[in-house]
PDB file of N, CA and C in Angstrom:
ATOM      1  N   GLN A   1     -26.674 -14.113  -0.380  1.00  0.00           N
ATOM      2  CA  GLN A   1     -25.986 -13.578   0.782  1.00  0.00           C
ATOM      3  C   GLN A   1     -24.785 -14.473   1.099  1.00  0.00           C
ATOM      4  N   VAL A   2     -23.670 -13.839   1.446  1.00  0.00           N
ATOM      5  CA  VAL A   2     -22.475 -14.571   1.820  1.00  0.00           C
ATOM      6  C   VAL A   2     -22.000 -14.063   3.178  1.00  0.00           C
ATOM      7  N   GLN A   3     -21.237 -14.897   3.835  1.00  0.00           N
ATOM      8  CA  GLN A   3     -20.630 -14.529   5.115  1.00  0.00           C
ATOM      9  C   GLN A   3     -19.123 -14.464   4.923  1.00  0.00           C
ATOM     10  N   LEU A   4     -18.502 -13.451   5.496  1.00  0.00           N
ATOM     11  CA  LEU A   4     -17.078 -13.210   5.318  1.00  0.00           C
ATOM     12  C   LEU A   4     -16.399 -13.114   6.678  1.00  0.00           C
ATOM     13  N   VAL A   5     -15.266 -13.788   6.809  1.00  0.00           N
ATOM     14  CA  VAL A   5     -14.511 -13.751   8.052  1.00  0.00           C
ATOM     15  C   VAL A   5     -13.047 -13.467   7.733  1.00  0.00           C
ATOM     16  N   GLU A   6     -12.559 -12.331   8.220  1.00  0.00           N
ATOM     17  CA  GLU A   6     -11.165 -11.939   8.009  1.00  0.00           C
ATOM     18  C   GLU A   6     -10.283 -12.490   9.127  1.00  0.00           C
ATOM     19  N   SER A   7      -9.027 -12.691   8.791  1.00  0.00           N
ATOM     20  CA  SER A   7      -8.029 -13.076   9.783  1.00  0.00           C
ATOM     21  C   SER A   7      -6.664 -12.635   9.296  1.00  0.00           C
ATOM     22  N   GLY A   8      -5.692 -12.675  10.200  1.00  0.00           N
ATOM     23  CA  GLY A   8      -4.322 -12.395   9.811  1.00  0.00           C
ATOM     24  C   GLY A   8      -3.774 -11.056  10.239  1.00  0.00           C
ATOM     25  N   GLY A   9      -4.607 -10.240  10.851  1.00  0.00           N
ATOM     26  CA  GLY A   9      -4.104  -8.955  11.311  1.00  0.00           C
ATOM     27  C   GLY A   9      -3.177  -9.103  12.505  1.00  0.00           C
ATOM     28  N   GLY A  10      -2.556  -8.002  12.880  1.00  0.00           N
ATOM     29  CA  GLY A  10      -1.664  -8.032  14.035  1.00  0.00           C
ATOM     30  C   GLY A  10      -0.843  -6.780  14.158  1.00  0.00           C
ATOM     31  N   LEU A  11       0.109  -6.834  15.081  1.00  0.00           N
ATOM     32  CA  LEU A  11       1.026  -5.714  15.332  1.00  0.00           C
ATOM     33  C   LEU A  11       2.377  -6.072  14.733  1.00  0.00           C
ATOM     34  N   VAL A  12       2.862  -5.223  13.829  1.00  0.00           N
ATOM     35  CA  VAL A  12       4.144  -5.455  13.181  1.00  0.00           C
ATOM     36  C   VAL A  12       4.936  -4.153  13.165  1.00  0.00           C
ATOM     37  N   GLN A  13       6.205  -4.276  12.797  1.00  0.00           N
ATOM     38  CA  GLN A  13       7.045  -3.091  12.665  1.00  0.00           C
ATOM     39  C   GLN A  13       7.070  -2.627  11.212  1.00  0.00           C
ATOM     40  N   ALA A  14       7.400  -1.373  11.029  1.00  0.00           N
ATOM     41  CA  ALA A  14       7.525  -0.828   9.679  1.00  0.00           C
ATOM     42  C   ALA A  14       8.510  -1.666   8.873  1.00  0.00           C
ATOM     43  N   GLY A  15       8.126  -1.964   7.631  1.00  0.00           N
ATOM     44  CA  GLY A  15       8.955  -2.783   6.756  1.00  0.00           C
ATOM     45  C   GLY A  15       8.591  -4.251   6.766  1.00  0.00           C
ATOM     46  N   ASP A  16       7.809  -4.671   7.752  1.00  0.00           N
ATOM     47  CA  ASP A  16       7.400  -6.065   7.845  1.00  0.00           C
ATOM     48  C   ASP A  16       6.278  -6.376   6.855  1.00  0.00           C
ATOM     49  N   SER A  17       5.900  -7.643   6.829  1.00  0.00           N
ATOM     50  CA  SER A  17       4.827  -8.114   5.955  1.00  0.00           C
ATOM     51  C   SER A  17       3.744  -8.806   6.769  1.00  0.00           C
ATOM     52  N   LEU A  18       2.545  -8.777   6.224  1.00  0.00           N
ATOM     53  CA  LEU A  18       1.403  -9.515   6.772  1.00  0.00           C
ATOM     54  C   LEU A  18       0.579 -10.026   5.608  1.00  0.00           C
ATOM     55  N   ARG A  19      -0.099 -11.137   5.824  1.00  0.00           N
ATOM     56  CA  ARG A  19      -1.057 -11.624   4.833  1.00  0.00           C
ATOM     57  C   ARG A  19      -2.414 -11.769   5.500  1.00  0.00           C
ATOM     58  N   LEU A  20      -3.356 -11.006   4.995  1.00  0.00           N
ATOM     59  CA  LEU A  20      -4.725 -11.098   5.479  1.00  0.00           C
ATOM     60  C   LEU A  20      -5.485 -12.133   4.662  1.00  0.00           C
ATOM     61  N   SER A  21      -6.356 -12.861   5.327  1.00  0.00           N
ATOM     62  CA  SER A  21      -7.205 -13.835   4.666  1.00  0.00           C
ATOM     63  C   SER A  21      -8.663 -13.485   4.897  1.00  0.00           C
ATOM     64  N   CYS A  22      -9.481 -13.841   3.947  1.00  0.00           N
ATOM     65  CA  CYS A  22     -10.923 -13.651   4.074  1.00  0.00           C
ATOM     66  C   CYS A  22     -11.591 -14.933   3.578  1.00  0.00           C
ATOM     67  N   ALA A  23     -12.176 -15.663   4.498  1.00  0.00           N
ATOM     68  CA  ALA A  23     -12.890 -16.890   4.164  1.00  0.00           C
ATOM     69  C   ALA A  23     -14.351 -16.562   3.919  1.00  0.00           C
ATOM     70  N   VAL A  24     -14.881 -17.072   2.826  1.00  0.00           N
ATOM     71  CA  VAL A  24     -16.236 -16.730   2.402  1.00  0.00           C
ATOM     72  C   VAL A  24     -17.095 -17.977   2.349  1.00  0.00           C
ATOM     73  N   SER A  25     -18.270 -17.918   2.910  1.00  0.00           N
ATOM     74  CA  SER A  25     -19.227 -19.018   2.849  1.00  0.00           C
ATOM     75  C   SER A  25     -20.552 -18.480   2.352  1.00  0.00           C
ATOM     76  N   GLY A  26     -21.347 -19.379   1.805  1.00  0.00           N
ATOM     77  CA  GLY A  26     -22.647 -18.982   1.302  1.00  0.00           C
ATOM     78  C   GLY A  26     -22.780 -19.313  -0.166  1.00  0.00           C
ATOM     79  N   ARG A  27     -23.146 -18.344  -0.954  1.00  0.00           N
ATOM     80  CA  ARG A  27     -23.411 -18.575  -2.368  1.00  0.00           C
ATOM     81  C   ARG A  27     -22.110 -18.695  -3.154  1.00  0.00           C
ATOM     82  N   THR A  28     -22.210 -18.959  -4.429  1.00  0.00           N
ATOM     83  CA  THR A  28     -21.055 -19.250  -5.268  1.00  0.00           C
ATOM     84  C   THR A  28     -20.037 -18.126  -5.208  1.00  0.00           C
ATOM     85  N   PHE A  29     -18.869 -18.471  -4.654  1.00  0.00           N
ATOM     86  CA  PHE A  29     -17.835 -17.477  -4.407  1.00  0.00           C
ATOM     87  C   PHE A  29     -17.374 -16.817  -5.701  1.00  0.00           C
ATOM     88  N   SER A  30     -17.249 -17.582  -6.759  1.00  0.00           N
ATOM     89  CA  SER A  30     -16.706 -17.036  -8.008  1.00  0.00           C
ATOM     90  C   SER A  30     -17.640 -16.027  -8.668  1.00  0.00           C
ATOM     91  N   ASN A  31     -18.870 -15.935  -8.208  1.00  0.00           N
ATOM     92  CA  ASN A  31     -19.792 -14.936  -8.746  1.00  0.00           C
ATOM     93  C   ASN A  31     -19.485 -13.524  -8.245  1.00  0.00           C
ATOM     94  N   TYR A  32     -18.646 -13.434  -7.216  1.00  0.00           N
ATOM     95  CA  TYR A  32     -18.429 -12.165  -6.546  1.00  0.00           C
ATOM     96  C   TYR A  32     -17.042 -11.597  -6.816  1.00  0.00           C
ATOM     97  N   ALA A  33     -16.996 -10.319  -7.128  1.00  0.00           N
ATOM     98  CA  ALA A  33     -15.747  -9.587  -6.978  1.00  0.00           C
ATOM     99  C   ALA A  33     -15.512  -9.374  -5.496  1.00  0.00           C
ATOM    100  N   MET A  34     -14.250  -9.359  -5.122  1.00  0.00           N
ATOM    101  CA  MET A  34     -13.896  -9.184  -3.716  1.00  0.00           C
ATOM    102  C   MET A  34     -13.025  -7.951  -3.550  1.00  0.00           C
ATOM    103  N   GLY A  35     -13.277  -7.224  -2.491  1.00  0.00           N
ATOM    104  CA  GLY A  35     -12.493  -6.029  -2.221  1.00  0.00           C
ATOM    105  C   GLY A  35     -11.959  -6.018  -0.806  1.00  0.00           C
ATOM    106  N   TRP A  36     -10.854  -5.315  -0.648  1.00  0.00           N
ATOM    107  CA  TRP A  36     -10.321  -5.009   0.679  1.00  0.00           C
ATOM    108  C   TRP A  36     -10.413  -3.507   0.891  1.00  0.00           C
ATOM    109  N   PHE A  37     -10.887  -3.130   2.041  1.00  0.00           N
ATOM    110  CA  PHE A  37     -11.004  -1.735   2.445  1.00  0.00           C
ATOM    111  C   PHE A  37     -10.360  -1.577   3.811  1.00  0.00           C
ATOM    112  N   ARG A  38     -10.075  -0.349   4.183  1.00  0.00           N
ATOM    113  CA  ARG A  38      -9.525  -0.103   5.508  1.00  0.00           C
ATOM    114  C   ARG A  38     -10.075   1.188   6.079  1.00  0.00           C
ATOM    115  N   GLN A  39     -10.089   1.232   7.402  1.00  0.00           N
ATOM    116  CA  GLN A  39     -10.564   2.430   8.087  1.00  0.00           C
ATOM    117  C   GLN A  39      -9.676   2.704   9.280  1.00  0.00           C
ATOM    118  N   ALA A  40      -9.039   3.853   9.238  1.00  0.00           N
ATOM    119  CA  ALA A  40      -8.197   4.299  10.347  1.00  0.00           C
ATOM    120  C   ALA A  40      -9.035   5.147  11.298  1.00  0.00           C
ATOM    121  N   PRO A  41      -8.625   5.260  12.560  1.00  0.00           N
ATOM    122  CA  PRO A  41      -9.396   6.060  13.518  1.00  0.00           C
ATOM    123  C   PRO A  41      -9.618   7.481  13.024  1.00  0.00           C
ATOM    124  N   GLY A  42     -10.860   7.926  13.063  1.00  0.00           N
ATOM    125  CA  GLY A  42     -11.182   9.287  12.672  1.00  0.00           C
ATOM    126  C   GLY A  42     -11.241   9.521  11.179  1.00  0.00           C
ATOM    127  N   LYS A  43     -11.074   8.452  10.396  1.00  0.00           N
ATOM    128  CA  LYS A  43     -11.086   8.608   8.940  1.00  0.00           C
ATOM    129  C   LYS A  43     -12.196   7.768   8.324  1.00  0.00           C
ATOM    130  N   GLU A  44     -12.538   8.104   7.097  1.00  0.00           N
ATOM    131  CA  GLU A  44     -13.544   7.339   6.388  1.00  0.00           C
ATOM    132  C   GLU A  44     -12.945   6.022   5.882  1.00  0.00           C
ATOM    133  N   ARG A  45     -13.820   5.055   5.648  1.00  0.00           N
ATOM    134  CA  ARG A  45     -13.376   3.797   5.072  1.00  0.00           C
ATOM    135  C   ARG A  45     -12.890   4.050   3.650  1.00  0.00           C
ATOM    136  N   GLU A  46     -11.725   3.479   3.319  1.00  0.00           N
ATOM    137  CA  GLU A  46     -11.167   3.712   2.001  1.00  0.00           C
ATOM    138  C   GLU A  46     -10.869   2.400   1.290  1.00  0.00           C
ATOM    139  N   PHE A  47     -10.935   2.470  -0.032  1.00  0.00           N
ATOM    140  CA  PHE A  47     -10.635   1.325  -0.889  1.00  0.00           C
ATOM    141  C   PHE A  47      -9.148   1.018  -0.829  1.00  0.00           C
ATOM    142  N   VAL A  48      -8.816  -0.281  -0.803  1.00  0.00           N
ATOM    143  CA  VAL A  48      -7.421  -0.715  -0.847  1.00  0.00           C
ATOM    144  C   VAL A  48      -7.146  -1.502  -2.120  1.00  0.00           C
ATOM    145  N   ALA A  49      -7.911  -2.564  -2.356  1.00  0.00           N
ATOM    146  CA  ALA A  49      -7.669  -3.431  -3.509  1.00  0.00           C
ATOM    147  C   ALA A  49      -8.925  -4.216  -3.815  1.00  0.00           C
ATOM    148  N   ALA A  50      -9.047  -4.655  -5.061  1.00  0.00           N
ATOM    149  CA  ALA A  50     -10.183  -5.469  -5.466  1.00  0.00           C
ATOM    150  C   ALA A  50      -9.752  -6.443  -6.543  1.00  0.00           C
ATOM    151  N   ILE A  51     -10.523  -7.525  -6.658  1.00  0.00           N
ATOM    152  CA  ILE A  51     -10.229  -8.557  -7.651  1.00  0.00           C
ATOM    153  C   ILE A  51     -11.551  -9.088  -8.180  1.00  0.00           C
ATOM    154  N   SER A  52     -11.598  -9.370  -9.469  1.00  0.00           N
ATOM    155  CA  SER A  52     -12.815  -9.883 -10.076  1.00  0.00           C
ATOM    156  C   SER A  52     -13.049 -11.338  -9.681  1.00  0.00           C
ATOM    157  N   GLY A  53     -14.232 -11.827  -9.994  1.00  0.00           N
ATOM    158  CA  GLY A  53     -14.576 -13.203  -9.664  1.00  0.00           C
ATOM    159  C   GLY A  53     -13.648 -14.228 -10.284  1.00  0.00           C
ATOM    160  N   SER A  54     -13.195 -13.942 -11.490  1.00  0.00           N
ATOM    161  CA  SER A  54     -12.279 -14.852 -12.194  1.00  0.00           C
ATOM    162  C   SER A  54     -10.824 -14.609 -11.816  1.00  0.00           C
ATOM    163  N   GLY A  55     -10.565 -13.471 -11.189  1.00  0.00           N
ATOM    164  CA  GLY A  55      -9.195 -13.116 -10.833  1.00  0.00           C
ATOM    165  C   GLY A  55      -8.430 -12.416 -11.922  1.00  0.00           C
ATOM    166  N   THR A  56      -9.068 -12.148 -13.051  1.00  0.00           N
ATOM    167  CA  THR A  56      -8.347 -11.547 -14.185  1.00  0.00           C
ATOM    168  C   THR A  56      -8.245 -10.026 -14.084  1.00  0.00           C
ATOM    169  N   TRP A  57      -9.080  -9.416 -13.262  1.00  0.00           N
ATOM    170  CA  TRP A  57      -9.032  -7.957 -13.061  1.00  0.00           C
ATOM    171  C   TRP A  57      -8.677  -7.673 -11.616  1.00  0.00           C
ATOM    172  N   THR A  58      -7.716  -6.785 -11.429  1.00  0.00           N
ATOM    173  CA  THR A  58      -7.381  -6.300 -10.102  1.00  0.00           C
ATOM    174  C   THR A  58      -7.233  -4.785 -10.135  1.00  0.00           C
ATOM    175  N   SER A  59      -7.396  -4.179  -8.986  1.00  0.00           N
ATOM    176  CA  SER A  59      -7.262  -2.731  -8.877  1.00  0.00           C
ATOM    177  C   SER A  59      -6.729  -2.421  -7.487  1.00  0.00           C
ATOM    178  N   TYR A  60      -5.884  -1.373  -7.414  1.00  0.00           N
ATOM    179  CA  TYR A  60      -5.258  -0.973  -6.159  1.00  0.00           C
ATOM    180  C   TYR A  60      -5.330   0.526  -5.994  1.00  0.00           C
ATOM    181  N   THR A  61      -5.449   0.965  -4.766  1.00  0.00           N
ATOM    182  CA  THR A  61      -5.277   2.382  -4.527  1.00  0.00           C
ATOM    183  C   THR A  61      -3.801   2.719  -4.677  1.00  0.00           C
ATOM    184  N   ASN A  62      -3.509   3.955  -5.068  1.00  0.00           N
ATOM    185  CA  ASN A  62      -2.133   4.312  -5.418  1.00  0.00           C
ATOM    186  C   ASN A  62      -1.147   4.095  -4.274  1.00  0.00           C
ATOM    187  N   SER A  63      -1.589   4.316  -3.056  1.00  0.00           N
ATOM    188  CA  SER A  63      -0.661   4.268  -1.926  1.00  0.00           C
ATOM    189  C   SER A  63      -0.151   2.859  -1.616  1.00  0.00           C
ATOM    190  N   VAL A  64      -0.782   1.831  -2.180  1.00  0.00           N
ATOM    191  CA  VAL A  64      -0.342   0.459  -1.897  1.00  0.00           C
ATOM    192  C   VAL A  64       0.204  -0.246  -3.133  1.00  0.00           C
ATOM    193  N   LYS A  65       0.146   0.386  -4.275  1.00  0.00           N
ATOM    194  CA  LYS A  65       0.652  -0.241  -5.504  1.00  0.00           C
ATOM    195  C   LYS A  65       2.127  -0.584  -5.352  1.00  0.00           C
ATOM    196  N   GLY A  66       2.466  -1.814  -5.736  1.00  0.00           N
ATOM    197  CA  GLY A  66       3.843  -2.276  -5.609  1.00  0.00           C
ATOM    198  C   GLY A  66       4.168  -2.860  -4.248  1.00  0.00           C
ATOM    199  N   ARG A  67       3.296  -2.663  -3.263  1.00  0.00           N
ATOM    200  CA  ARG A  67       3.535  -3.206  -1.916  1.00  0.00           C
ATOM    201  C   ARG A  67       2.513  -4.280  -1.544  1.00  0.00           C
ATOM    202  N   PHE A  68       1.271  -4.108  -1.969  1.00  0.00           N
ATOM    203  CA  PHE A  68       0.191  -5.042  -1.638  1.00  0.00           C
ATOM    204  C   PHE A  68      -0.191  -5.839  -2.874  1.00  0.00           C
ATOM    205  N   ALA A  69      -0.678  -7.050  -2.648  1.00  0.00           N
ATOM    206  CA  ALA A  69      -1.161  -7.895  -3.741  1.00  0.00           C
ATOM    207  C   ALA A  69      -2.412  -8.643  -3.282  1.00  0.00           C
ATOM    208  N   ILE A  70      -3.452  -8.542  -4.080  1.00  0.00           N
ATOM    209  CA  ILE A  70      -4.688  -9.263  -3.799  1.00  0.00           C
ATOM    210  C   ILE A  70      -4.731 -10.510  -4.669  1.00  0.00           C
ATOM    211  N   SER A  71      -5.237 -11.591  -4.104  1.00  0.00           N
ATOM    212  CA  SER A  71      -5.361 -12.841  -4.855  1.00  0.00           C
ATOM    213  C   SER A  71      -6.540 -13.626  -4.298  1.00  0.00           C
ATOM    214  N   ARG A  72      -6.952 -14.639  -5.025  1.00  0.00           N
ATOM    215  CA  ARG A  72      -8.067 -15.460  -4.583  1.00  0.00           C
ATOM    216  C   ARG A  72      -7.906 -16.868  -5.092  1.00  0.00           C
ATOM    217  N   ASP A  73      -8.546 -17.789  -4.392  1.00  0.00           N
ATOM    218  CA  ASP A  73      -8.620 -19.180  -4.819  1.00  0.00           C
ATOM    219  C   ASP A  73     -10.088 -19.574  -4.727  1.00  0.00           C
ATOM    220  N   ASN A  74     -10.738 -19.703  -5.860  1.00  0.00           N
ATOM    221  CA  ASN A  74     -12.177 -19.988  -5.857  1.00  0.00           C
ATOM    222  C   ASN A  74     -12.483 -21.396  -5.359  1.00  0.00           C
ATOM    223  N   ALA A  75     -11.528 -22.282  -5.431  1.00  0.00           N
ATOM    224  CA  ALA A  75     -11.734 -23.628  -4.904  1.00  0.00           C
ATOM    225  C   ALA A  75     -11.717 -23.632  -3.373  1.00  0.00           C
ATOM    226  N   LYS A  76     -11.048 -22.634  -2.787  1.00  0.00           N
ATOM    227  CA  LYS A  76     -10.956 -22.542  -1.329  1.00  0.00           C
ATOM    228  C   LYS A  76     -11.861 -21.462  -0.758  1.00  0.00           C
ATOM    229  N   ASN A  77     -12.608 -20.778  -1.626  1.00  0.00           N
ATOM    230  CA  ASN A  77     -13.498 -19.694  -1.172  1.00  0.00           C
ATOM    231  C   ASN A  77     -12.755 -18.691  -0.297  1.00  0.00           C
ATOM    232  N   THR A  78     -11.576 -18.325  -0.739  1.00  0.00           N
ATOM    233  CA  THR A  78     -10.729 -17.456   0.061  1.00  0.00           C
ATOM    234  C   THR A  78     -10.095 -16.384  -0.811  1.00  0.00           C
ATOM    235  N   VAL A  79     -10.000 -15.191  -0.249  1.00  0.00           N
ATOM    236  CA  VAL A  79      -9.265 -14.095  -0.874  1.00  0.00           C
ATOM    237  C   VAL A  79      -8.215 -13.629   0.125  1.00  0.00           C
ATOM    238  N   TRP A  80      -7.062 -13.250  -0.405  1.00  0.00           N
ATOM    239  CA  TRP A  80      -5.950 -12.815   0.445  1.00  0.00           C
ATOM    240  C   TRP A  80      -5.516 -11.394   0.071  1.00  0.00           C
ATOM    241  N   LEU A  81      -4.903 -10.739   1.028  1.00  0.00           N
ATOM    242  CA  LEU A  81      -4.221  -9.475   0.770  1.00  0.00           C
ATOM    243  C   LEU A  81      -2.817  -9.604   1.351  1.00  0.00           C
ATOM    244  N   GLN A  82      -1.849  -9.753   0.472  1.00  0.00           N
ATOM    245  CA  GLN A  82      -0.447  -9.806   0.887  1.00  0.00           C
ATOM    246  C   GLN A  82       0.045  -8.369   1.008  1.00  0.00           C
ATOM    247  N   MET A  83       0.527  -8.021   2.187  1.00  0.00           N
ATOM    248  CA  MET A  83       0.968  -6.651   2.449  1.00  0.00           C
ATOM    249  C   MET A  83       2.443  -6.674   2.796  1.00  0.00           C
ATOM    250  N   ASN A  84       3.248  -6.060   1.945  1.00  0.00           N
ATOM    251  CA  ASN A  84       4.697  -5.987   2.148  1.00  0.00           C
ATOM    252  C   ASN A  84       5.120  -4.546   2.408  1.00  0.00           C
ATOM    253  N   SER A  85       6.311  -4.396   2.946  1.00  0.00           N
ATOM    254  CA  SER A  85       6.872  -3.062   3.212  1.00  0.00           C
ATOM    255  C   SER A  85       5.855  -2.177   3.930  1.00  0.00           C
ATOM    256  N   LEU A  86       5.286  -2.697   4.980  1.00  0.00           N
ATOM    257  CA  LEU A  86       4.241  -1.967   5.685  1.00  0.00           C
ATOM    258  C   LEU A  86       4.765  -0.682   6.301  1.00  0.00           C
ATOM    259  N   LYS A  87       3.905   0.311   6.325  1.00  0.00           N
ATOM    260  CA  LYS A  87       4.219   1.628   6.853  1.00  0.00           C
ATOM    261  C   LYS A  87       3.258   1.957   7.995  1.00  0.00           C
ATOM    262  N   PRO A  88       3.645   2.838   8.899  1.00  0.00           N
ATOM    263  CA  PRO A  88       2.723   3.224   9.976  1.00  0.00           C
ATOM    264  C   PRO A  88       1.382   3.747   9.452  1.00  0.00           C
ATOM    265  N   GLU A  89       1.397   4.390   8.299  1.00  0.00           N
ATOM    266  CA  GLU A  89       0.135   4.922   7.748  1.00  0.00           C
ATOM    267  C   GLU A  89      -0.777   3.820   7.204  1.00  0.00           C
ATOM    268  N   ASP A  90      -0.309   2.583   7.175  1.00  0.00           N
ATOM    269  CA  ASP A  90      -1.166   1.457   6.811  1.00  0.00           C
ATOM    270  C   ASP A  90      -2.001   0.969   7.999  1.00  0.00           C
ATOM    271  N   THR A  91      -1.741   1.505   9.173  1.00  0.00           N
ATOM    272  CA  THR A  91      -2.478   1.106  10.366  1.00  0.00           C
ATOM    273  C   THR A  91      -3.966   1.415  10.201  1.00  0.00           C
ATOM    274  N   ALA A  92      -4.787   0.393  10.385  1.00  0.00           N
ATOM    275  CA  ALA A  92      -6.241   0.533  10.207  1.00  0.00           C
ATOM    276  C   ALA A  92      -6.909  -0.803  10.522  1.00  0.00           C
ATOM    277  N   VAL A  93      -8.218  -0.762  10.576  1.00  0.00           N
ATOM    278  CA  VAL A  93      -9.006  -1.995  10.542  1.00  0.00           C
ATOM    279  C   VAL A  93      -9.252  -2.315   9.078  1.00  0.00           C
ATOM    280  N   TYR A  94      -8.920  -3.535   8.697  1.00  0.00           N
ATOM    281  CA  TYR A  94      -9.064  -3.965   7.309  1.00  0.00           C
ATOM    282  C   TYR A  94     -10.298  -4.858   7.184  1.00  0.00           C
ATOM    283  N   TYR A  95     -11.104  -4.553   6.173  1.00  0.00           N
ATOM    284  CA  TYR A  95     -12.340  -5.278   5.920  1.00  0.00           C
ATOM    285  C   TYR A  95     -12.302  -5.916   4.532  1.00  0.00           C
ATOM    286  N   CYS A  96     -12.816  -7.118   4.412  1.00  0.00           N
ATOM    287  CA  CYS A  96     -13.068  -7.649   3.081  1.00  0.00           C
ATOM    288  C   CYS A  96     -14.564  -7.541   2.798  1.00  0.00           C
ATOM    289  N   ALA A  97     -14.886  -7.485   1.527  1.00  0.00           N
ATOM    290  CA  ALA A  97     -16.261  -7.282   1.116  1.00  0.00           C
ATOM    291  C   ALA A  97     -16.498  -7.947  -0.233  1.00  0.00           C
ATOM    292  N   ALA A  98     -17.764  -8.261  -0.501  1.00  0.00           N
ATOM    293  CA  ALA A  98     -18.152  -8.939  -1.743  1.00  0.00           C
ATOM    294  C   ALA A  98     -19.144  -8.096  -2.516  1.00  0.00           C
ATOM    295  N   SER A  99     -18.981  -8.118  -3.832  1.00  0.00           N
ATOM    296  CA  SER A  99     -19.857  -7.350  -4.710  1.00  0.00           C
ATOM    297  C   SER A  99     -20.106  -8.128  -5.991  1.00  0.00           C
ATOM    298  N   TYR A 100     -21.238  -7.859  -6.626  1.00  0.00           N
ATOM    299  CA  TYR A 100     -21.502  -8.434  -7.947  1.00  0.00           C
ATOM    300  C   TYR A 100     -20.777  -7.656  -9.043  1.00  0.00           C
ATOM    301  N   TYR A 101     -20.149  -6.538  -8.682  1.00  0.00           N
ATOM    302  CA  TYR A 101     -19.531  -5.664  -9.666  1.00  0.00           C
ATOM    303  C   TYR A 101     -18.030  -5.553  -9.436  1.00  0.00           C
ATOM    304  N   ASN A 102     -17.271  -5.393 -10.503  1.00  0.00           N
ATOM    305  CA  ASN A 102     -15.848  -5.075 -10.392  1.00  0.00           C
ATOM    306  C   ASN A 102     -15.758  -3.578 -10.106  1.00  0.00           C
ATOM    307  N   THR A 103     -15.540  -3.234  -8.868  1.00  0.00           N
ATOM    308  CA  THR A 103     -15.703  -1.848  -8.454  1.00  0.00           C
ATOM    309  C   THR A 103     -14.791  -1.508  -7.289  1.00  0.00           C
ATOM    310  N   ARG A 104     -14.478  -0.227  -7.153  1.00  0.00           N
ATOM    311  CA  ARG A 104     -13.689   0.308  -6.047  1.00  0.00           C
ATOM    312  C   ARG A 104     -14.576   1.056  -5.048  1.00  0.00           C
ATOM    313  N   ILE A 105     -15.865   1.127  -5.328  1.00  0.00           N
ATOM    314  CA  ILE A 105     -16.779   1.969  -4.555  1.00  0.00           C
ATOM    315  C   ILE A 105     -17.379   1.191  -3.395  1.00  0.00           C
ATOM    316  N   PRO A 106     -17.187   1.626  -2.162  1.00  0.00           N
ATOM    317  CA  PRO A 106     -17.693   0.868  -1.005  1.00  0.00           C
ATOM    318  C   PRO A 106     -19.192   0.582  -1.058  1.00  0.00           C
ATOM    319  N   SER A 107     -19.975   1.521  -1.532  1.00  0.00           N
ATOM    320  CA  SER A 107     -21.427   1.325  -1.537  1.00  0.00           C
ATOM    321  C   SER A 107     -21.875   0.268  -2.535  1.00  0.00           C
ATOM    322  N   ASP A 108     -20.988  -0.158  -3.428  1.00  0.00           N
ATOM    323  CA  ASP A 108     -21.316  -1.244  -4.360  1.00  0.00           C
ATOM    324  C   ASP A 108     -21.139  -2.624  -3.732  1.00  0.00           C
ATOM    325  N   TYR A 109     -20.552  -2.647  -2.534  1.00  0.00           N
ATOM    326  CA  TYR A 109     -20.332  -3.908  -1.826  1.00  0.00           C
ATOM    327  C   TYR A 109     -21.430  -4.075  -0.784  1.00  0.00           C
ATOM    328  N   ASN A 110     -22.140  -5.180  -0.821  1.00  0.00           N
ATOM    329  CA  ASN A 110     -23.265  -5.353   0.096  1.00  0.00           C
ATOM    330  C   ASN A 110     -23.057  -6.479   1.097  1.00  0.00           C
ATOM    331  N   ASN A 111     -21.869  -7.040   1.117  1.00  0.00           N
ATOM    332  CA  ASN A 111     -21.547  -8.054   2.113  1.00  0.00           C
ATOM    333  C   ASN A 111     -20.172  -7.726   2.674  1.00  0.00           C
ATOM    334  N   TRP A 112     -20.075  -7.625   3.998  1.00  0.00           N
ATOM    335  CA  TRP A 112     -18.847  -7.191   4.655  1.00  0.00           C
ATOM    336  C   TRP A 112     -18.482  -8.139   5.792  1.00  0.00           C
ATOM    337  N   GLY A 113     -17.166  -8.283   6.001  1.00  0.00           N
ATOM    338  CA  GLY A 113     -16.690  -8.986   7.171  1.00  0.00           C
ATOM    339  C   GLY A 113     -16.641  -8.068   8.381  1.00  0.00           C
ATOM    340  N   GLN A 114     -16.191  -8.619   9.491  1.00  0.00           N
ATOM    341  CA  GLN A 114     -16.172  -7.873  10.746  1.00  0.00           C
ATOM    342  C   GLN A 114     -14.906  -7.035  10.911  1.00  0.00           C
ATOM    343  N   GLY A 115     -13.908  -7.290  10.102  1.00  0.00           N
ATOM    344  CA  GLY A 115     -12.677  -6.512  10.144  1.00  0.00           C
ATOM    345  C   GLY A 115     -11.590  -7.167  10.972  1.00  0.00           C
ATOM    346  N   THR A 116     -10.345  -6.841  10.633  1.00  0.00           N
ATOM    347  CA  THR A 116      -9.191  -7.305  11.383  1.00  0.00           C
ATOM    348  C   THR A 116      -8.220  -6.131  11.531  1.00  0.00           C
ATOM    349  N   GLN A 117      -7.680  -5.964  12.730  1.00  0.00           N
ATOM    350  CA  GLN A 117      -6.833  -4.818  13.020  1.00  0.00           C
ATOM    351  C   GLN A 117      -5.410  -5.065  12.535  1.00  0.00           C
ATOM    352  N   VAL A 118      -4.869  -4.092  11.839  1.00  0.00           N
ATOM    353  CA  VAL A 118      -3.462  -4.085  11.444  1.00  0.00           C
ATOM    354  C   VAL A 118      -2.831  -2.840  12.056  1.00  0.00           C
ATOM    355  N   THR A 119      -1.793  -3.046  12.841  1.00  0.00           N
ATOM    356  CA  THR A 119      -1.079  -1.937  13.461  1.00  0.00           C
ATOM    357  C   THR A 119       0.391  -2.029  13.091  1.00  0.00           C
ATOM    358  N   VAL A 120       0.916  -0.950  12.518  1.00  0.00           N
ATOM    359  CA  VAL A 120       2.309  -0.907  12.089  1.00  0.00           C
ATOM    360  C   VAL A 120       3.033   0.140  12.926  1.00  0.00           C
ATOM    361  N   SER A 121       4.002  -0.305  13.687  1.00  0.00           N
ATOM    362  CA  SER A 121       4.751   0.619  14.535  1.00  0.00           C
ATOM    363  C   SER A 121       5.986   1.118  13.793  1.00  0.00           C
ATOM    364  N   SER A 122       6.399   2.315  14.128  1.00  0.00           N
ATOM    365  CA  SER A 122       7.565   2.922  13.451  1.00  0.00           C
ATOM    366  C   SER A 122       8.856   2.582  14.155  1.00  0.00           C
TER     367      SER A 122
END
């Protein structure tokens, strides 16, 4: 079991950038693939990006490709989501999650953070 704490959310204007952080404590961080998900009001939680334990595999949903970048530092037990060229439709609560699998599927992740709000104004 691991504990995850997200930070870095906020209110920004369209075109701005934000970097979300997820600090992980507990078992060996490098054993876990890490994912970022988001949930907008009235919508289901959706996959945003994921990275393997070694960092050699990454995956992005199409709507963020070229704008967002996921990275991790296993020595710091931290995963980041760099978000550039933000759009109003990126507004959501962003969650980080840990899984034993390199996967985009929310149900494959069994450890979740509490979420951080990202609001992008037009």
